[in-house]
N, C-alpha and C. Protein backbone atom coordinates (compact mmCIF):
# COMPACT_ATOMS: atom_id res chain seq x y z
N MET A 1 119.29 44.72 54.08
CA MET A 1 120.16 43.60 53.17
C MET A 1 121.68 43.63 53.51
N GLY A 2 122.26 42.43 53.68
CA GLY A 2 123.44 42.38 54.09
C GLY A 2 124.58 42.69 52.98
N GLY A 3 125.81 42.27 53.17
CA GLY A 3 127.02 42.69 52.36
C GLY A 3 127.14 41.77 51.08
N PRO A 4 127.72 41.97 49.82
CA PRO A 4 127.65 41.18 48.69
C PRO A 4 128.84 40.20 49.21
N ALA A 5 128.66 39.11 48.37
CA ALA A 5 129.59 37.94 48.26
C ALA A 5 131.22 38.65 47.76
N LYS A 6 131.99 38.21 48.33
CA LYS A 6 133.53 38.74 48.12
C LYS A 6 133.81 38.53 46.65
N ASP A 7 134.40 39.64 46.16
CA ASP A 7 134.69 39.69 44.49
C ASP A 7 133.44 39.27 43.76
N GLU A 8 132.25 39.85 44.08
CA GLU A 8 131.15 39.54 43.06
C GLU A 8 130.40 40.74 43.39
N ALA A 9 129.66 41.27 42.38
CA ALA A 9 128.68 42.39 42.56
C ALA A 9 127.43 41.88 43.17
N PRO A 10 127.21 42.57 44.31
CA PRO A 10 125.87 42.17 45.10
C PRO A 10 124.70 42.20 44.48
N ILE A 11 124.00 41.40 44.97
CA ILE A 11 122.32 41.01 44.37
C ILE A 11 121.55 42.56 44.53
N CYS A 12 121.12 43.01 43.81
CA CYS A 12 120.47 44.36 43.95
C CYS A 12 119.12 43.85 44.47
N GLU A 13 118.56 45.11 45.20
CA GLU A 13 117.12 44.96 45.93
C GLU A 13 116.10 44.39 45.17
N THR A 14 115.99 44.89 44.01
CA THR A 14 115.08 44.28 42.85
C THR A 14 115.01 42.99 42.74
N GLU A 15 116.41 42.41 42.62
CA GLU A 15 116.63 40.92 42.16
C GLU A 15 116.30 40.01 43.74
N GLY A 16 116.74 40.72 44.77
CA GLY A 16 116.27 40.26 45.94
C GLY A 16 114.94 40.20 46.27
N GLN A 17 114.10 41.18 46.14
CA GLN A 17 112.77 41.21 46.22
C GLN A 17 112.04 40.14 45.22
N ALA A 18 112.60 39.81 44.07
CA ALA A 18 112.26 38.95 43.08
C ALA A 18 112.21 37.44 43.97
N LEU A 19 113.59 37.39 44.56
CA LEU A 19 113.62 35.67 45.20
C LEU A 19 112.53 35.49 46.35
N VAL A 20 112.55 36.91 47.03
CA VAL A 20 111.12 36.56 48.15
C VAL A 20 110.07 36.30 47.59
N ALA A 21 109.80 36.88 46.49
CA ALA A 21 108.29 36.82 45.82
C ALA A 21 108.43 35.26 45.09
N LEU A 22 109.37 34.85 44.60
CA LEU A 22 109.40 33.21 44.21
C LEU A 22 109.29 32.52 45.32
N ALA A 23 109.99 32.76 46.54
CA ALA A 23 109.57 31.93 47.76
C ALA A 23 108.16 31.77 48.00
N ARG A 24 107.46 32.96 48.30
CA ARG A 24 106.04 33.14 48.25
C ARG A 24 105.30 32.40 47.39
N GLN A 25 105.54 32.60 46.15
CA GLN A 25 104.73 31.94 44.91
C GLN A 25 105.23 30.48 44.79
N THR A 26 106.32 29.92 45.52
CA THR A 26 106.23 28.61 45.61
C THR A 26 105.60 28.03 46.60
N ILE A 27 105.52 28.46 47.92
CA ILE A 27 104.72 27.84 48.80
C ILE A 27 103.23 28.17 48.37
N ALA A 28 102.90 29.02 47.91
CA ALA A 28 101.42 29.23 47.46
C ALA A 28 101.10 28.15 46.68
N GLY A 29 102.02 27.75 45.73
CA GLY A 29 101.63 26.79 44.62
C GLY A 29 101.54 25.34 45.34
N ARG A 30 102.31 25.12 46.64
CA ARG A 30 102.35 23.88 46.99
C ARG A 30 100.92 23.83 48.24
N LEU A 31 100.46 24.80 48.44
CA LEU A 31 99.29 24.97 49.15
C LEU A 31 97.95 25.28 48.20
N CYS A 32 98.19 24.99 46.88
CA CYS A 32 97.14 25.19 45.92
C CYS A 32 96.38 26.56 46.25
N LEU A 33 96.86 27.63 46.29
CA LEU A 33 96.39 28.83 46.45
C LEU A 33 96.79 29.54 45.41
N PRO A 34 96.08 30.56 44.79
CA PRO A 34 96.03 31.12 43.32
C PRO A 34 97.27 32.07 43.18
N VAL A 35 98.03 31.94 42.22
CA VAL A 35 99.15 32.86 41.78
C VAL A 35 98.86 33.11 40.45
N SER A 36 98.43 34.42 40.16
CA SER A 36 98.15 34.84 38.69
C SER A 36 99.19 34.80 37.80
N GLU A 37 98.99 34.32 36.79
CA GLU A 37 99.87 34.29 35.68
C GLU A 37 100.83 35.72 35.45
N ALA A 38 100.00 36.64 35.47
CA ALA A 38 100.51 37.95 35.55
C ALA A 38 101.83 38.15 36.39
N GLU A 39 101.28 37.73 37.82
CA GLU A 39 102.74 37.67 38.64
C GLU A 39 103.74 36.84 38.25
N ARG A 40 103.43 35.67 37.88
CA ARG A 40 104.63 34.89 37.35
C ARG A 40 105.36 35.28 36.16
N ALA A 41 104.61 35.81 35.27
CA ALA A 41 105.06 36.38 34.18
C ALA A 41 106.10 37.64 34.44
N ALA A 42 105.70 38.36 35.42
CA ALA A 42 106.47 39.63 35.95
C ALA A 42 107.71 39.24 36.53
N LEU A 43 107.63 37.96 37.02
CA LEU A 43 108.81 37.62 38.04
C LEU A 43 109.91 37.08 37.01
N ALA A 44 109.50 36.19 36.09
CA ALA A 44 110.33 35.80 35.13
C ALA A 44 111.62 36.36 34.67
N PRO A 45 111.63 37.37 34.24
CA PRO A 45 112.90 38.01 33.65
C PRO A 45 113.52 38.56 34.89
N LEU A 46 113.16 38.75 36.07
CA LEU A 46 113.94 39.05 37.18
C LEU A 46 114.72 38.16 37.55
N LEU A 47 113.99 36.76 37.60
CA LEU A 47 115.03 35.57 38.17
C LEU A 47 115.87 35.20 37.04
N ALA A 48 115.65 35.58 36.07
CA ALA A 48 116.74 35.33 34.99
C ALA A 48 118.11 35.90 34.80
N ALA A 49 118.03 36.96 35.92
CA ALA A 49 119.23 37.70 35.87
C ALA A 49 120.70 36.96 36.13
N PRO A 50 121.75 37.21 35.72
CA PRO A 50 122.76 36.57 35.78
C PRO A 50 123.24 36.15 37.39
N ALA A 51 123.18 37.47 38.05
CA ALA A 51 123.44 37.47 39.48
C ALA A 51 122.86 36.32 40.41
N LEU A 52 121.44 35.87 39.89
CA LEU A 52 120.58 34.77 40.39
C LEU A 52 120.98 33.48 39.93
N GLN A 53 121.62 33.41 38.78
CA GLN A 53 122.16 32.01 38.20
C GLN A 53 123.55 31.52 38.85
N ARG A 54 124.09 32.29 39.94
CA ARG A 54 125.31 32.10 40.57
C ARG A 54 124.84 30.91 41.56
N HIS A 55 125.96 30.18 41.83
CA HIS A 55 125.92 28.96 42.80
C HIS A 55 126.25 29.53 44.34
N HIS A 56 125.35 29.71 45.33
CA HIS A 56 125.55 30.12 46.42
C HIS A 56 124.73 29.35 47.54
N GLY A 57 124.94 29.13 48.83
CA GLY A 57 123.95 28.45 49.54
C GLY A 57 123.03 29.67 49.84
N THR A 58 121.70 29.26 50.31
CA THR A 58 120.49 30.05 50.64
C THR A 58 119.80 29.44 51.77
N PHE A 59 118.99 30.59 52.38
CA PHE A 59 118.32 29.99 53.54
C PHE A 59 117.01 30.84 53.22
N VAL A 60 115.86 29.98 53.55
CA VAL A 60 114.56 30.78 53.41
C VAL A 60 114.09 30.57 55.00
N THR A 61 113.48 31.92 55.62
CA THR A 61 113.18 32.02 56.77
C THR A 61 111.49 32.52 56.79
N LEU A 62 110.87 31.85 57.35
CA LEU A 62 109.46 32.32 57.69
C LEU A 62 109.04 32.66 59.22
N LYS A 63 108.40 33.67 59.17
CA LYS A 63 107.95 34.30 60.50
C LYS A 63 106.57 34.62 60.39
N CYS A 64 105.78 34.11 61.55
CA CYS A 64 104.56 34.40 61.69
C CYS A 64 104.07 35.47 63.00
N ARG A 65 103.82 36.64 62.80
CA ARG A 65 103.32 37.46 63.88
C ARG A 65 104.86 37.80 64.82
N GLY A 66 105.78 37.82 63.92
CA GLY A 66 107.20 38.04 64.47
C GLY A 66 107.92 36.90 65.19
N GLN A 67 107.40 35.62 65.19
CA GLN A 67 107.78 34.53 65.65
C GLN A 67 108.25 33.31 64.33
N LEU A 68 109.50 32.82 64.80
CA LEU A 68 109.90 32.18 63.86
C LEU A 68 108.91 30.82 63.50
N ARG A 69 108.64 30.87 62.24
CA ARG A 69 107.62 29.60 61.73
C ARG A 69 108.23 28.46 60.73
N GLY A 70 109.47 28.79 60.53
CA GLY A 70 110.39 27.69 59.84
C GLY A 70 111.56 28.48 59.26
N CYS A 71 112.82 27.75 59.06
CA CYS A 71 113.87 28.21 58.64
C CYS A 71 114.66 27.03 58.25
N ILE A 72 115.07 26.92 56.73
CA ILE A 72 115.69 25.86 56.51
C ILE A 72 116.51 26.46 55.16
N GLY A 73 117.82 25.83 54.89
CA GLY A 73 118.69 26.18 53.86
C GLY A 73 119.67 25.17 53.59
N SER A 74 120.68 25.98 52.82
CA SER A 74 121.87 24.87 52.24
C SER A 74 122.90 25.81 52.42
N LEU A 75 123.91 25.42 53.10
CA LEU A 75 125.20 26.11 53.35
C LEU A 75 125.99 26.42 52.19
N LEU A 76 126.25 25.31 51.32
CA LEU A 76 126.55 25.51 50.07
C LEU A 76 126.03 25.37 48.84
N GLY A 77 126.25 26.05 47.65
CA GLY A 77 125.73 26.40 46.52
C GLY A 77 125.74 25.21 45.55
N THR A 78 125.22 24.37 45.67
CA THR A 78 125.19 23.06 44.80
C THR A 78 124.15 23.42 43.61
N THR A 79 123.40 24.34 43.70
CA THR A 79 122.38 24.67 42.96
C THR A 79 122.25 26.33 42.48
N SER A 80 121.76 26.84 41.55
CA SER A 80 121.54 28.10 41.34
C SER A 80 120.99 28.69 42.46
N ILE A 81 121.18 30.15 42.83
CA ILE A 81 120.43 30.46 43.76
C ILE A 81 118.91 30.58 43.61
N VAL A 82 118.25 30.86 42.68
CA VAL A 82 117.14 30.55 42.31
C VAL A 82 116.36 29.12 42.61
N GLU A 83 116.86 28.26 42.21
CA GLU A 83 116.59 26.82 42.47
C GLU A 83 116.66 26.68 43.86
N GLY A 84 117.82 27.17 44.58
CA GLY A 84 118.08 27.08 46.02
C GLY A 84 116.72 27.53 46.74
N VAL A 85 116.47 28.67 46.23
CA VAL A 85 115.16 29.53 46.98
C VAL A 85 114.23 28.54 47.21
N ARG A 86 113.85 28.24 45.65
CA ARG A 86 112.60 27.29 45.39
C ARG A 86 112.49 26.17 46.29
N GLU A 87 113.74 25.26 46.62
CA GLU A 87 113.94 24.17 47.24
C GLU A 87 113.53 24.57 48.79
N ASN A 88 114.32 25.44 49.21
CA ASN A 88 114.29 25.82 50.45
C ASN A 88 113.12 26.42 51.10
N ALA A 89 112.18 27.06 50.45
CA ALA A 89 111.01 27.64 50.41
C ALA A 89 110.09 26.58 50.93
N LEU A 90 110.02 25.46 50.11
CA LEU A 90 109.12 24.41 50.39
C LEU A 90 109.44 23.61 51.72
N ASN A 91 110.87 23.38 51.78
CA ASN A 91 111.31 22.85 53.11
C ASN A 91 111.08 23.76 54.38
N ALA A 92 111.47 24.96 54.19
CA ALA A 92 111.18 25.80 55.48
C ALA A 92 109.48 25.73 55.84
N ALA A 93 108.67 25.91 54.60
CA ALA A 93 107.15 25.63 54.99
C ALA A 93 106.65 24.49 55.56
N PHE A 94 107.51 23.27 55.07
CA PHE A 94 106.73 21.96 55.33
C PHE A 94 107.71 20.97 55.74
N SER A 95 108.80 21.13 55.85
CA SER A 95 109.77 20.15 56.32
C SER A 95 110.82 20.59 57.36
N ASP A 96 110.63 21.69 58.13
CA ASP A 96 111.09 21.93 59.29
C ASP A 96 110.83 21.14 60.44
N PRO A 97 111.53 20.14 60.97
CA PRO A 97 111.11 19.34 62.16
C PRO A 97 110.60 20.28 63.26
N ARG A 98 110.81 21.22 63.64
CA ARG A 98 110.55 22.19 64.73
C ARG A 98 109.30 22.44 64.54
N PHE A 99 108.42 22.38 63.40
CA PHE A 99 107.18 23.05 63.46
C PHE A 99 106.26 22.06 62.55
N PRO A 100 104.91 22.32 62.75
CA PRO A 100 103.84 21.38 61.93
C PRO A 100 104.10 21.98 60.35
N PRO A 101 103.68 21.22 59.31
CA PRO A 101 103.72 21.87 57.98
C PRO A 101 102.60 22.96 58.03
N LEU A 102 103.01 24.20 57.41
CA LEU A 102 102.55 25.44 56.96
C LEU A 102 101.04 25.11 56.62
N ALA A 103 99.95 25.46 57.37
CA ALA A 103 98.53 25.54 56.82
C ALA A 103 98.21 26.68 55.87
N ALA A 104 97.14 26.57 55.12
CA ALA A 104 96.88 27.60 54.10
C ALA A 104 96.45 28.66 54.87
N GLU A 105 95.46 28.55 55.92
CA GLU A 105 94.98 29.53 56.90
C GLU A 105 96.36 30.28 57.37
N GLU A 106 97.31 29.98 57.35
CA GLU A 106 98.46 30.74 58.18
C GLU A 106 99.13 31.57 57.07
N PHE A 107 98.92 31.30 55.71
CA PHE A 107 99.81 31.95 54.77
C PHE A 107 99.91 33.46 54.75
N GLY A 108 98.70 33.82 54.78
CA GLY A 108 98.71 35.35 55.07
C GLY A 108 99.14 35.99 55.99
N ALA A 109 99.54 35.33 56.98
CA ALA A 109 100.19 36.01 58.11
C ALA A 109 101.61 35.85 58.30
N VAL A 110 102.20 35.08 57.25
CA VAL A 110 103.69 34.60 57.31
C VAL A 110 104.41 35.95 56.47
N LYS A 111 105.50 36.02 57.05
CA LYS A 111 106.58 36.98 56.23
C LYS A 111 107.73 36.00 55.96
N VAL A 112 108.04 36.43 54.68
CA VAL A 112 109.32 35.71 54.03
C VAL A 112 110.28 36.54 54.16
N GLU A 113 111.57 35.77 54.70
CA GLU A 113 113.11 36.34 54.30
C GLU A 113 113.83 35.59 53.49
N VAL A 114 114.73 35.99 52.52
CA VAL A 114 115.61 34.98 51.84
C VAL A 114 117.20 35.68 52.18
N SER A 115 118.03 34.46 52.55
CA SER A 115 119.21 34.76 52.68
C SER A 115 120.16 34.04 51.72
N VAL A 116 121.36 34.81 51.03
CA VAL A 116 122.11 34.51 50.19
C VAL A 116 123.56 34.28 50.69
N LEU A 117 124.20 33.27 50.84
CA LEU A 117 125.33 33.11 51.89
C LEU A 117 126.71 33.19 50.74
N THR A 118 127.74 33.78 51.42
CA THR A 118 129.02 33.63 50.73
C THR A 118 129.62 32.22 51.23
N GLU A 119 130.63 31.86 50.61
CA GLU A 119 131.16 30.37 50.58
C GLU A 119 131.73 30.51 52.41
N PRO A 120 131.49 29.44 53.12
CA PRO A 120 132.02 29.68 54.41
C PRO A 120 133.47 29.33 54.42
N GLN A 121 134.08 30.07 55.50
CA GLN A 121 135.52 29.97 55.51
C GLN A 121 136.12 29.46 56.87
N PRO A 122 136.85 28.85 57.24
CA PRO A 122 137.30 28.41 58.42
C PRO A 122 137.62 29.62 59.52
N LEU A 123 137.53 29.37 60.77
CA LEU A 123 137.95 30.34 61.69
C LEU A 123 138.65 29.85 62.52
N ASP A 124 140.03 30.30 62.53
CA ASP A 124 141.12 29.41 63.30
C ASP A 124 141.05 30.28 64.68
N TYR A 125 141.21 29.51 65.69
CA TYR A 125 141.33 30.13 66.86
C TYR A 125 141.79 29.12 67.78
N THR A 126 142.62 29.60 69.13
CA THR A 126 143.42 28.83 69.78
C THR A 126 142.63 28.34 71.03
N ASP A 127 141.70 29.24 71.50
CA ASP A 127 140.76 28.54 73.04
C ASP A 127 139.52 29.54 72.90
N ALA A 128 138.84 29.45 73.87
CA ALA A 128 137.56 29.97 73.83
C ALA A 128 137.53 31.64 74.07
N ALA A 129 138.69 31.95 74.69
CA ALA A 129 138.87 33.56 74.60
C ALA A 129 139.00 34.10 73.36
N ASP A 130 139.90 33.28 72.56
CA ASP A 130 140.10 33.76 71.13
C ASP A 130 139.17 33.61 70.27
N LEU A 131 138.40 32.61 70.58
CA LEU A 131 137.09 32.47 69.80
C LEU A 131 136.30 33.62 69.86
N LEU A 132 136.03 34.02 71.13
CA LEU A 132 135.08 35.14 71.33
C LEU A 132 135.59 36.56 70.78
N ALA A 133 136.98 36.59 70.96
CA ALA A 133 137.62 37.64 70.49
C ALA A 133 137.39 38.03 68.78
N LYS A 134 137.28 36.80 68.30
CA LYS A 134 137.34 36.70 66.80
C LYS A 134 135.80 36.86 66.18
N LEU A 135 134.97 36.76 66.79
CA LEU A 135 133.49 36.70 66.38
C LEU A 135 132.99 38.19 66.01
N ARG A 136 132.14 38.27 65.07
CA ARG A 136 131.82 39.55 64.52
C ARG A 136 130.45 39.50 64.86
N PRO A 137 129.90 40.16 65.79
CA PRO A 137 128.51 39.92 66.23
C PRO A 137 127.77 40.98 65.14
N GLY A 138 126.30 40.49 64.38
CA GLY A 138 125.79 41.33 63.38
C GLY A 138 126.31 41.07 62.09
N ILE A 139 127.51 40.48 61.82
CA ILE A 139 128.28 40.43 60.52
C ILE A 139 128.33 39.00 59.92
N ASP A 140 128.89 38.20 61.01
CA ASP A 140 129.15 36.89 60.47
C ASP A 140 128.24 35.81 60.92
N GLY A 141 127.81 34.85 60.10
CA GLY A 141 126.94 33.83 60.43
C GLY A 141 128.12 32.72 60.82
N LEU A 142 127.66 31.75 61.69
CA LEU A 142 128.44 30.88 62.41
C LEU A 142 128.01 29.55 62.10
N ILE A 143 129.20 28.37 61.77
CA ILE A 143 128.83 26.82 61.66
C ILE A 143 129.72 26.37 62.31
N ILE A 144 129.40 25.40 63.43
CA ILE A 144 130.30 24.69 64.35
C ILE A 144 130.00 23.26 63.92
N ARG A 145 130.96 22.50 64.15
CA ARG A 145 130.80 20.93 63.74
C ARG A 145 131.79 20.34 65.01
N GLN A 146 131.33 19.07 65.46
CA GLN A 146 131.83 18.16 66.43
C GLN A 146 131.54 16.86 66.07
N GLY A 147 132.53 16.13 65.62
CA GLY A 147 131.89 14.77 65.47
C GLY A 147 130.90 14.49 64.39
N GLY A 148 129.75 14.01 64.57
CA GLY A 148 128.61 14.32 63.71
C GLY A 148 127.46 15.24 63.89
N CYS A 149 128.02 16.04 65.13
CA CYS A 149 127.01 17.18 65.16
C CYS A 149 127.57 18.73 64.47
N CYS A 150 126.19 19.06 63.72
CA CYS A 150 126.57 20.45 63.23
C CYS A 150 125.36 21.37 63.37
N ALA A 151 125.86 22.81 63.50
CA ALA A 151 124.37 23.45 63.36
C ALA A 151 124.98 24.87 62.86
N THR A 152 124.20 25.90 62.50
CA THR A 152 124.42 27.10 61.77
C THR A 152 123.41 28.16 62.60
N PHE A 153 124.10 29.27 62.85
CA PHE A 153 123.10 30.41 63.00
C PHE A 153 123.59 31.59 62.07
N LEU A 154 122.37 31.98 61.24
CA LEU A 154 122.59 33.09 60.19
C LEU A 154 123.07 34.41 61.13
N PRO A 155 123.74 35.26 60.55
CA PRO A 155 123.90 36.58 61.00
C PRO A 155 122.62 37.29 61.57
N GLN A 156 121.56 36.98 61.33
CA GLN A 156 120.53 37.75 61.98
C GLN A 156 120.10 37.39 63.27
N VAL A 157 120.55 36.05 63.59
CA VAL A 157 120.35 35.61 64.87
C VAL A 157 121.01 36.38 66.00
N TRP A 158 122.06 37.34 65.34
CA TRP A 158 122.44 38.05 66.86
C TRP A 158 121.68 39.05 67.03
N GLU A 159 120.50 39.37 66.61
CA GLU A 159 119.55 40.38 66.67
C GLU A 159 118.84 39.77 68.16
N GLN A 160 118.73 38.39 68.15
CA GLN A 160 118.03 37.72 69.30
C GLN A 160 118.92 37.42 70.16
N LEU A 161 120.35 37.23 70.02
CA LEU A 161 121.32 36.82 70.91
C LEU A 161 122.44 37.48 70.78
N PRO A 162 122.70 38.87 71.10
CA PRO A 162 123.62 39.71 70.95
C PRO A 162 124.87 39.39 71.81
N ASP A 163 124.91 38.87 72.93
CA ASP A 163 126.00 38.34 73.50
C ASP A 163 126.64 37.45 72.83
N PRO A 164 128.03 37.31 72.74
CA PRO A 164 128.49 36.36 71.95
C PRO A 164 128.71 34.83 72.68
N ARG A 165 128.68 35.20 73.97
CA ARG A 165 128.56 33.79 74.86
C ARG A 165 127.26 33.05 74.95
N GLN A 166 126.31 33.85 74.86
CA GLN A 166 124.81 33.47 74.82
C GLN A 166 124.49 32.72 73.31
N PHE A 167 125.23 33.27 72.33
CA PHE A 167 125.13 32.92 71.03
C PHE A 167 125.72 31.42 70.90
N LEU A 168 127.02 31.51 71.38
CA LEU A 168 127.45 30.26 71.05
C LEU A 168 127.01 29.06 72.04
N ASP A 169 126.54 29.21 73.32
CA ASP A 169 125.66 28.35 74.19
C ASP A 169 124.64 27.91 73.03
N HIS A 170 124.08 28.92 72.59
CA HIS A 170 122.68 28.17 71.95
C HIS A 170 122.87 27.56 70.83
N LEU A 171 123.84 28.03 70.05
CA LEU A 171 124.43 27.20 68.73
C LEU A 171 124.70 25.77 69.12
N CYS A 172 125.37 25.89 70.17
CA CYS A 172 125.78 24.37 70.64
C CYS A 172 124.66 23.63 71.13
N LEU A 173 123.75 24.17 71.54
CA LEU A 173 122.38 23.33 72.00
C LEU A 173 121.81 22.91 70.68
N LYS A 174 121.75 24.01 69.63
CA LYS A 174 121.16 23.54 68.33
C LYS A 174 121.82 22.43 67.76
N ALA A 175 122.87 22.18 67.84
CA ALA A 175 123.96 21.15 67.25
C ALA A 175 123.80 19.96 68.02
N CYS A 176 123.02 19.76 69.30
CA CYS A 176 122.94 18.64 70.13
C CYS A 176 124.02 18.56 70.66
N LEU A 177 124.71 19.50 71.29
CA LEU A 177 126.04 19.30 71.88
C LEU A 177 125.95 20.12 73.44
N PRO A 178 126.59 19.87 74.48
CA PRO A 178 126.41 20.45 75.75
C PRO A 178 126.81 22.01 75.49
N MET A 179 125.87 22.91 75.95
CA MET A 179 125.79 24.40 75.93
C MET A 179 127.44 24.87 76.00
N ASP A 180 128.46 24.33 76.69
CA ASP A 180 129.45 24.92 77.20
C ASP A 180 130.73 24.11 76.30
N SER A 181 130.40 23.31 75.16
CA SER A 181 131.41 22.64 74.36
C SER A 181 132.41 23.80 73.77
N TRP A 182 131.70 24.70 73.23
CA TRP A 182 132.83 25.82 72.77
C TRP A 182 133.79 26.24 73.90
N GLN A 183 133.57 26.06 75.15
CA GLN A 183 134.61 26.67 76.12
C GLN A 183 135.64 25.30 76.43
N ARG A 184 135.21 24.09 76.58
CA ARG A 184 135.88 23.19 77.07
C ARG A 184 136.38 21.86 75.97
N GLY A 185 135.84 22.23 74.55
CA GLY A 185 136.47 21.30 73.39
C GLY A 185 136.71 22.02 72.06
N LYS A 186 137.33 21.55 71.41
CA LYS A 186 137.93 22.13 70.09
C LYS A 186 136.73 22.04 69.10
N LEU A 187 135.92 22.73 68.93
CA LEU A 187 134.95 22.68 67.70
C LEU A 187 135.74 23.09 66.42
N THR A 188 135.21 22.74 65.54
CA THR A 188 135.42 23.49 63.90
C THR A 188 134.53 24.44 63.81
N VAL A 189 134.91 25.55 63.50
CA VAL A 189 134.47 26.84 63.22
C VAL A 189 134.58 27.36 61.93
N MET A 190 133.33 27.72 61.17
CA MET A 190 133.51 28.37 59.76
C MET A 190 132.43 29.60 60.21
N THR A 191 132.86 30.58 59.21
CA THR A 191 131.98 32.02 59.26
C THR A 191 131.57 32.05 57.75
N TYR A 192 130.65 32.84 57.77
CA TYR A 192 130.03 33.38 56.54
C TYR A 192 129.24 34.80 56.45
N GLN A 193 128.87 35.26 55.62
CA GLN A 193 128.06 36.49 55.38
C GLN A 193 127.08 36.07 54.59
N VAL A 194 125.75 37.03 54.81
CA VAL A 194 124.69 36.86 53.87
C VAL A 194 124.47 38.28 53.16
N GLN A 195 123.70 38.15 52.17
CA GLN A 195 122.75 39.33 51.68
C GLN A 195 121.49 38.75 52.12
N TYR A 196 120.67 39.42 52.87
CA TYR A 196 119.21 38.87 53.25
C TYR A 196 118.22 40.05 52.87
N PHE A 197 116.83 39.53 52.20
CA PHE A 197 115.98 40.48 51.75
C PHE A 197 114.43 39.91 52.61
N GLU A 198 113.87 40.97 52.93
CA GLU A 198 112.64 40.63 53.81
C GLU A 198 111.60 41.38 52.50
N GLU A 199 110.46 40.66 52.98
CA GLU A 199 109.10 41.14 52.29
C GLU A 199 108.92 42.66 52.76
N ARG A 200 108.43 43.44 51.95
CA ARG A 200 108.18 44.73 52.17
C ARG A 200 106.84 44.82 52.92
N CYS A 201 106.66 45.58 53.85
CA CYS A 201 105.27 45.82 54.64
C CYS A 201 104.22 46.57 53.48
């Protein structure tokens, strides 16, 4: 689990696991798989917690046998955390353009992760060297923009791309920009942090 949003009490582990369970139940419902009324009833009071009614960006990530199977989210909190997780769970499972829609037979092998974002903040920098110096691997998620191109990597992506140069290269490619755009052009860069919760084994 990552750090709390600034000036707010963090989401506790129990509440975070409720969000993960909500994502799983939401996907199961779309797949017409059974979810017991007892499971739904147990989740309801946890999802009503004030911390989960706040408005924050959320991402839902699905992994299957250790490989990414879908990841969709919202950078800004236009709805409550609970509603954001519901929406992004469905989008991650069925609307990630990188993957076919999740099939019912895959559901049992999928692990769910939920990230709750702080409000993105601009990162001021002078040149490529300054940008590298200001990155905080493992702590900050990054958003880059140039023209109509935009992409983000959650802080968890640092685990796969721990080298800041490679992190920026791949983020530029994700934004459909040349991979060296961060070195030769002025990108708009923003950072954010997350609290993230994974399904327990």
